[in-house]
Amino acid sequence: MPEGARYRRIAADIQRRIAAGEWRPGQDLPSRAELAAELGVHPQTVRLAYVLLRRTGVLEGEERRAVYVAHPPAMRTLTDPDAEWPYSSETTDTRPRAASVELAERLGVDVGASLKHETVECLDPGGRSAMLISSWWRGQRQPHASYAAELGVVELTEEQAHALGLLVDTVAFRVVRTRFDVHRRPLETADLILPMDRWLVRLAPMREQ
């Protein structure tokens, strides 16, 4: 098994064991050497799994010291899906996309049309992943006059789950936001993925700018 897949598998297994109550918030996990011996892997593989879980907020603790189960993240309330994120963020993907049937309908373009794309990982003040925003648009980005938003739920993909520190197929909130020009033509559409253990959603009505 490739090294990247191995440490991610171990990280997912640790999360399952935490969810099952084997380790509780504030409790130390075994040392890298102890867990590596238990799992039959190199301690470096466990170190990478611990690094990933610290980054996603599942574990806390400093490098070369004991790590422990993090306490649940603070709940936030989303009231304006068009507001700028007030903390730091990281752009994780900018590869162009061909318009799927759904994206073509949302943007009023042909299926297969080339779209600009951006996925941004929004971080909370502690540097933990709080939300993912994937956006698609044609040509150059333009200022918008209004927006519409719809709330639903979605099962996380493997990539989304890894970014948010959750298990694959975990159900999360999905806010579909579409921005319009003054003539109500769609300019850009986005999916906001919000973990249910970190967010309450109270959507504001559509507003004109």
C-alpha atoms as a PDB file:
ATOM      1  CA  MET A   1       0.000   0.000   0.000  1.00  0.00           C
ATOM      2  CA  PRO A   2       1.397   3.459  -0.858  1.00  0.00           C
ATOM      3  CA  GLU A   3       2.660   5.415   2.145  1.00  0.00           C
ATOM      4  CA  GLY A   4       0.089   8.187   1.644  1.00  0.00           C
ATOM      5  CA  ALA A   5      -2.794   5.723   1.619  1.00  0.00           C
ATOM      6  CA  ARG A   6      -1.398   3.882   4.658  1.00  0.00           C
ATOM      7  CA  TYR A   7      -1.175   6.872   7.002  1.00  0.00           C
ATOM      8  CA  ARG A   8      -4.576   8.152   5.881  1.00  0.00           C
ATOM      9  CA  ARG A   9      -6.056   4.731   6.589  1.00  0.00           C
ATOM     10  CA  ILE A  10      -4.500   4.780  10.057  1.00  0.00           C
ATOM     11  CA  ALA A  11      -5.844   8.310  10.643  1.00  0.00           C
ATOM     12  CA  ALA A  12      -9.339   7.148   9.657  1.00  0.00           C
ATOM     13  CA  ASP A  13      -9.010   4.146  12.009  1.00  0.00           C
ATOM     14  CA  ILE A  14      -7.984   6.429  14.889  1.00  0.00           C
ATOM     15  CA  GLN A  15     -11.060   8.574  14.226  1.00  0.00           C
ATOM     16  CA  ARG A  16     -13.285   5.501  14.346  1.00  0.00           C
ATOM     17  CA  ARG A  17     -11.757   4.434  17.644  1.00  0.00           C
ATOM     18  CA  ILE A  18     -12.305   7.922  19.064  1.00  0.00           C
ATOM     19  CA  ALA A  19     -15.918   7.878  17.851  1.00  0.00           C
ATOM     20  CA  ALA A  20     -16.368   4.490  19.533  1.00  0.00           C
ATOM     21  CA  GLY A  21     -15.183   5.968  22.848  1.00  0.00           C
ATOM     22  CA  GLU A  22     -11.826   4.185  23.092  1.00  0.00           C
ATOM     23  CA  TRP A  23     -10.155   7.583  23.572  1.00  0.00           C
ATOM     24  CA  ARG A  24     -12.119  10.525  24.919  1.00  0.00           C
ATOM     25  CA  PRO A  25     -11.575  14.309  24.670  1.00  0.00           C
ATOM     26  CA  GLY A  26      -8.485  15.307  26.618  1.00  0.00           C
ATOM     27  CA  GLN A  27      -7.115  11.754  26.791  1.00  0.00           C
ATOM     28  CA  ASP A  28      -3.585  11.026  25.539  1.00  0.00           C
ATOM     29  CA  LEU A  29      -3.136   8.646  22.626  1.00  0.00           C
ATOM     30  CA  PRO A  30      -0.382   6.017  22.625  1.00  0.00           C
ATOM     31  CA  SER A  31       3.083   7.160  21.600  1.00  0.00           C
ATOM     32  CA  ARG A  32       4.068   6.801  17.960  1.00  0.00           C
ATOM     33  CA  ALA A  33       6.241   3.788  18.798  1.00  0.00           C
ATOM     34  CA  GLU A  34       3.481   2.086  20.800  1.00  0.00           C
ATOM     35  CA  LEU A  35       0.816   2.527  18.148  1.00  0.00           C
ATOM     36  CA  ALA A  36       3.242   1.575  15.365  1.00  0.00           C
ATOM     37  CA  ALA A  37       4.028  -1.679  17.194  1.00  0.00           C
ATOM     38  CA  GLU A  38       0.311  -2.375  17.652  1.00  0.00           C
ATOM     39  CA  LEU A  39      -0.451  -1.765  13.978  1.00  0.00           C
ATOM     40  CA  GLY A  40       2.718  -3.296  12.549  1.00  0.00           C
ATOM     41  CA  VAL A  41       3.849  -0.148  10.736  1.00  0.00           C
ATOM     42  CA  HIS A  42       6.810   2.234  10.909  1.00  0.00           C
ATOM     43  CA  PRO A  43       6.565   4.981  13.583  1.00  0.00           C
ATOM     44  CA  GLN A  44       6.945   7.557  10.792  1.00  0.00           C
ATOM     45  CA  THR A  45       3.644   6.376   9.333  1.00  0.00           C
ATOM     46  CA  VAL A  46       1.927   6.952  12.676  1.00  0.00           C
ATOM     47  CA  ARG A  47       3.603  10.362  12.926  1.00  0.00           C
ATOM     48  CA  LEU A  48       2.101  11.357   9.574  1.00  0.00           C
ATOM     49  CA  ALA A  49      -1.327  10.180  10.721  1.00  0.00           C
ATOM     50  CA  TYR A  50      -1.000  12.223  13.924  1.00  0.00           C
ATOM     51  CA  VAL A  51       0.115  15.288  11.915  1.00  0.00           C
ATOM     52  CA  LEU A  52      -2.943  14.963   9.669  1.00  0.00           C
ATOM     53  CA  LEU A  53      -5.277  14.592  12.653  1.00  0.00           C
ATOM     54  CA  ARG A  54      -3.750  17.592  14.426  1.00  0.00           C
ATOM     55  CA  ARG A  55      -4.160  19.688  11.290  1.00  0.00           C
ATOM     56  CA  THR A  56      -7.824  18.755  10.968  1.00  0.00           C
ATOM     57  CA  GLY A  57      -8.517  19.366  14.666  1.00  0.00           C
ATOM     58  CA  VAL A  58      -9.166  15.778  15.732  1.00  0.00           C
ATOM     59  CA  LEU A  59      -6.042  15.711  17.899  1.00  0.00           C
ATOM     60  CA  GLU A  60      -4.093  18.359  19.759  1.00  0.00           C
ATOM     61  CA  GLY A  61      -0.532  18.462  21.045  1.00  0.00           C
ATOM     62  CA  GLU A  62       2.872  19.557  19.836  1.00  0.00           C
ATOM     63  CA  GLU A  63       5.382  17.718  17.663  1.00  0.00           C
ATOM     64  CA  ARG A  64       7.478  15.164  19.608  1.00  0.00           C
ATOM     65  CA  ARG A  65       5.131  15.413  22.590  1.00  0.00           C
ATOM     66  CA  ALA A  66       2.038  13.497  23.622  1.00  0.00           C
ATOM     67  CA  VAL A  67      -1.006  14.051  21.465  1.00  0.00           C
ATOM     68  CA  TYR A  68      -4.504  13.912  22.870  1.00  0.00           C
ATOM     69  CA  VAL A  69      -8.072  13.908  21.626  1.00  0.00           C
ATOM     70  CA  ALA A  70      -9.285  17.438  20.922  1.00  0.00           C
ATOM     71  CA  HIS A  71     -12.471  18.700  22.466  1.00  0.00           C
ATOM     72  CA  PRO A  72     -15.335  19.189  19.998  1.00  0.00           C
ATOM     73  CA  PRO A  73     -14.978  22.371  17.926  1.00  0.00           C
ATOM     74  CA  ALA A  74     -17.095  25.385  18.718  1.00  0.00           C
ATOM     75  CA  MET A  75     -20.387  25.655  16.886  1.00  0.00           C
ATOM     76  CA  ARG A  76     -20.799  28.560  14.464  1.00  0.00           C
ATOM     77  CA  THR A  77     -23.941  29.914  12.862  1.00  0.00           C
ATOM     78  CA  LEU A  78     -24.059  30.691   9.156  1.00  0.00           C
ATOM     79  CA  THR A  79     -26.480  33.539   8.498  1.00  0.00           C
ATOM     80  CA  ASP A  80     -25.055  35.035   5.303  1.00  0.00           C
ATOM     81  CA  PRO A  81     -23.638  32.567   2.744  1.00  0.00           C
ATOM     82  CA  ASP A  82     -22.381  35.498   0.647  1.00  0.00           C
ATOM     83  CA  ALA A  83     -20.233  37.027   3.409  1.00  0.00           C
ATOM     84  CA  GLU A  84     -16.436  37.011   3.243  1.00  0.00           C
ATOM     85  CA  TRP A  85     -14.728  34.497   5.531  1.00  0.00           C
ATOM     86  CA  PRO A  86     -13.253  36.555   8.417  1.00  0.00           C
ATOM     87  CA  TYR A  87     -10.312  34.269   9.196  1.00  0.00           C
ATOM     88  CA  SER A  88      -7.529  32.672   7.179  1.00  0.00           C
ATOM     89  CA  SER A  89      -8.093  30.334   4.250  1.00  0.00           C
ATOM     90  CA  GLU A  90      -6.117  28.195   1.814  1.00  0.00           C
ATOM     91  CA  THR A  91      -6.805  27.662  -1.883  1.00  0.00           C
ATOM     92  CA  THR A  92      -6.382  23.922  -2.422  1.00  0.00           C
ATOM     93  CA  ASP A  93      -7.460  23.384  -6.044  1.00  0.00           C
ATOM     94  CA  THR A  94      -7.708  25.651  -9.099  1.00  0.00           C
ATOM     95  CA  ARG A  95      -7.985  23.082 -11.887  1.00  0.00           C
ATOM     96  CA  PRO A  96     -10.522  23.982 -14.626  1.00  0.00           C
ATOM     97  CA  ARG A  97     -13.627  21.835 -14.862  1.00  0.00           C
ATOM     98  CA  ALA A  98     -15.971  20.776 -17.635  1.00  0.00           C
ATOM     99  CA  ALA A  99     -19.543  21.735 -16.773  1.00  0.00           C
ATOM    100  CA  SER A 100     -21.563  18.807 -15.469  1.00  0.00           C
ATOM    101  CA  VAL A 101     -25.290  18.668 -16.108  1.00  0.00           C
ATOM    102  CA  GLU A 102     -25.938  20.277 -12.715  1.00  0.00           C
ATOM    103  CA  LEU A 103     -23.328  23.030 -13.139  1.00  0.00           C
ATOM    104  CA  ALA A 104     -24.514  23.756 -16.680  1.00  0.00           C
ATOM    105  CA  GLU A 105     -28.040  24.280 -15.345  1.00  0.00           C
ATOM    106  CA  ARG A 106     -26.838  26.455 -12.467  1.00  0.00           C
ATOM    107  CA  LEU A 107     -24.730  28.698 -14.728  1.00  0.00           C
ATOM    108  CA  GLY A 108     -26.851  28.595 -17.888  1.00  0.00           C
ATOM    109  CA  VAL A 109     -24.054  27.131 -20.036  1.00  0.00           C
ATOM    110  CA  ASP A 110     -23.701  24.065 -22.225  1.00  0.00           C
ATOM    111  CA  VAL A 111     -22.841  20.727 -20.686  1.00  0.00           C
ATOM    112  CA  GLY A 112     -19.104  20.206 -21.062  1.00  0.00           C
ATOM    113  CA  ALA A 113     -18.308  23.927 -21.286  1.00  0.00           C
ATOM    114  CA  SER A 114     -14.934  24.856 -19.765  1.00  0.00           C
ATOM    115  CA  LEU A 115     -15.331  26.461 -16.333  1.00  0.00           C
ATOM    116  CA  LYS A 116     -12.868  28.182 -14.047  1.00  0.00           C
ATOM    117  CA  HIS A 117     -12.789  26.522 -10.650  1.00  0.00           C
ATOM    118  CA  GLU A 118     -11.484  27.161  -7.153  1.00  0.00           C
ATOM    119  CA  THR A 119     -11.724  25.206  -3.916  1.00  0.00           C
ATOM    120  CA  VAL A 120     -10.935  27.112  -0.728  1.00  0.00           C
ATOM    121  CA  GLU A 121     -10.479  25.592   2.723  1.00  0.00           C
ATOM    122  CA  CYS A 122     -11.663  28.070   5.365  1.00  0.00           C
ATOM    123  CA  LEU A 123      -9.816  27.825   8.668  1.00  0.00           C
ATOM    124  CA  ASP A 124     -11.020  28.805  12.119  1.00  0.00           C
ATOM    125  CA  PRO A 125      -8.904  31.064  14.387  1.00  0.00           C
ATOM    126  CA  GLY A 126      -7.053  27.993  15.646  1.00  0.00           C
ATOM    127  CA  GLY A 127      -6.075  26.952  12.127  1.00  0.00           C
ATOM    128  CA  ARG A 128      -8.559  24.074  11.890  1.00  0.00           C
ATOM    129  CA  SER A 129     -10.684  23.322   8.854  1.00  0.00           C
ATOM    130  CA  ALA A 130     -14.148  24.830   9.282  1.00  0.00           C
ATOM    131  CA  MET A 131     -15.673  24.869   5.791  1.00  0.00           C
ATOM    132  CA  LEU A 132     -14.921  24.099   2.133  1.00  0.00           C
ATOM    133  CA  ILE A 133     -16.056  26.390  -0.685  1.00  0.00           C
ATOM    134  CA  SER A 134     -15.880  25.162  -4.288  1.00  0.00           C
ATOM    135  CA  SER A 135     -16.727  27.804  -6.908  1.00  0.00           C
ATOM    136  CA  TRP A 136     -17.215  27.646 -10.685  1.00  0.00           C
ATOM    137  CA  TRP A 137     -17.549  30.469 -13.252  1.00  0.00           C
ATOM    138  CA  ARG A 138     -16.973  31.377 -16.903  1.00  0.00           C
ATOM    139  CA  GLY A 139     -14.296  33.844 -18.054  1.00  0.00           C
ATOM    140  CA  GLN A 140     -13.242  36.556 -15.621  1.00  0.00           C
ATOM    141  CA  ARG A 141     -14.874  36.931 -12.239  1.00  0.00           C
ATOM    142  CA  GLN A 142     -17.242  39.892 -12.110  1.00  0.00           C
ATOM    143  CA  PRO A 143     -18.936  41.822  -9.287  1.00  0.00           C
ATOM    144  CA  HIS A 144     -22.402  40.480  -8.573  1.00  0.00           C
ATOM    145  CA  ALA A 145     -25.625  42.328  -7.783  1.00  0.00           C
ATOM    146  CA  SER A 146     -27.516  39.593  -5.935  1.00  0.00           C
ATOM    147  CA  TYR A 147     -27.372  35.951  -4.945  1.00  0.00           C
ATOM    148  CA  ALA A 148     -29.599  32.998  -4.111  1.00  0.00           C
ATOM    149  CA  ALA A 149     -28.846  30.124  -1.730  1.00  0.00           C
ATOM    150  CA  GLU A 150     -30.359  26.702  -1.153  1.00  0.00           C
ATOM    151  CA  LEU A 151     -29.650  24.458   1.822  1.00  0.00           C
ATOM    152  CA  GLY A 152     -29.327  20.699   1.596  1.00  0.00           C
ATOM    153  CA  VAL A 153     -27.147  17.844   2.792  1.00  0.00           C
ATOM    154  CA  VAL A 154     -24.503  15.753   1.060  1.00  0.00           C
ATOM    155  CA  GLU A 155     -22.229  12.825   1.872  1.00  0.00           C
ATOM    156  CA  LEU A 156     -18.587  13.892   1.961  1.00  0.00           C
ATOM    157  CA  THR A 157     -16.249  12.636  -0.723  1.00  0.00           C
ATOM    158  CA  GLU A 158     -12.919  11.134   0.316  1.00  0.00           C
ATOM    159  CA  GLU A 159     -11.124  14.388  -0.531  1.00  0.00           C
ATOM    160  CA  GLN A 160     -13.610  16.526   1.409  1.00  0.00           C
ATOM    161  CA  ALA A 161     -13.521  14.184   4.399  1.00  0.00           C
ATOM    162  CA  HIS A 162      -9.721  14.306   4.565  1.00  0.00           C
ATOM    163  CA  ALA A 163      -9.718  18.106   4.396  1.00  0.00           C
ATOM    164  CA  LEU A 164     -12.305  18.438   7.171  1.00  0.00           C
ATOM    165  CA  GLY A 165     -10.961  15.665   9.394  1.00  0.00           C
ATOM    166  CA  LEU A 166     -14.108  13.549   9.098  1.00  0.00           C
ATOM    167  CA  LEU A 167     -14.944  10.061   7.911  1.00  0.00           C
ATOM    168  CA  VAL A 168     -15.833   9.391   4.290  1.00  0.00           C
ATOM    169  CA  ASP A 169     -19.616   9.428   3.688  1.00  0.00           C
ATOM    170  CA  THR A 170     -20.235  11.645   6.740  1.00  0.00           C
ATOM    171  CA  VAL A 171     -23.286  13.811   6.051  1.00  0.00           C
ATOM    172  CA  ALA A 172     -22.629  17.566   5.947  1.00  0.00           C
ATOM    173  CA  PHE A 173     -24.611  20.685   5.159  1.00  0.00           C
ATOM    174  CA  ARG A 174     -24.368  21.814   1.536  1.00  0.00           C
ATOM    175  CA  VAL A 175     -25.272  25.387   0.684  1.00  0.00           C
ATOM    176  CA  VAL A 176     -25.604  25.989  -3.060  1.00  0.00           C
ATOM    177  CA  ARG A 177     -24.934  29.678  -3.686  1.00  0.00           C
ATOM    178  CA  THR A 178     -25.365  31.320  -7.076  1.00  0.00           C
ATOM    179  CA  ARG A 179     -24.404  34.917  -7.776  1.00  0.00           C
ATOM    180  CA  PHE A 180     -26.188  37.039 -10.410  1.00  0.00           C
ATOM    181  CA  ASP A 181     -25.585  40.247 -12.348  1.00  0.00           C
ATOM    182  CA  VAL A 182     -28.087  43.123 -12.462  1.00  0.00           C
ATOM    183  CA  HIS A 183     -30.082  41.293 -15.138  1.00  0.00           C
ATOM    184  CA  ARG A 184     -30.341  38.131 -12.987  1.00  0.00           C
ATOM    185  CA  ARG A 185     -27.926  36.238 -15.197  1.00  0.00           C
ATOM    186  CA  PRO A 186     -25.778  33.758 -13.249  1.00  0.00           C
ATOM    187  CA  LEU A 187     -22.150  34.771 -12.903  1.00  0.00           C
ATOM    188  CA  GLU A 188     -20.792  32.196 -10.486  1.00  0.00           C
ATOM    189  CA  THR A 189     -22.020  29.239  -8.474  1.00  0.00           C
ATOM    190  CA  ALA A 190     -20.511  27.592  -5.415  1.00  0.00           C
ATOM    191  CA  ASP A 191     -20.972  24.716  -2.997  1.00  0.00           C
ATOM    192  CA  LEU A 192     -20.340  25.550   0.662  1.00  0.00           C
ATOM    193  CA  ILE A 193     -19.662  22.338   2.597  1.00  0.00           C
ATOM    194  CA  LEU A 194     -20.190  22.743   6.355  1.00  0.00           C
ATOM    195  CA  PRO A 195     -19.680  19.910   8.878  1.00  0.00           C
ATOM    196  CA  MET A 196     -22.789  19.386  10.982  1.00  0.00           C
ATOM    197  CA  ASP A 197     -20.735  19.092  14.169  1.00  0.00           C
ATOM    198  CA  ARG A 198     -19.405  22.644  13.665  1.00  0.00           C
ATOM    199  CA  TRP A 199     -22.274  24.615  12.162  1.00  0.00           C
ATOM    200  CA  LEU A 200     -25.845  25.730  12.570  1.00  0.00           C
ATOM    201  CA  VAL A 201     -27.362  27.269   9.453  1.00  0.00           C
ATOM    202  CA  ARG A 202     -29.759  30.196   9.560  1.00  0.00           C
ATOM    203  CA  LEU A 203     -29.990  31.547   6.021  1.00  0.00           C
ATOM    204  CA  ALA A 204     -30.732  35.194   5.397  1.00  0.00           C
ATOM    205  CA  PRO A 205     -33.116  36.048   2.523  1.00  0.00           C
ATOM    206  CA  MET A 206     -31.669  36.951  -0.851  1.00  0.00           C
ATOM    207  CA  ARG A 207     -30.362  40.513  -0.840  1.00  0.00           C
ATOM    208  CA  GLU A 208     -29.642  43.083  -3.524  1.00  0.00           C
ATOM    209  CA  GLN A 209     -26.258  44.812  -3.514  1.00  0.00           C
END
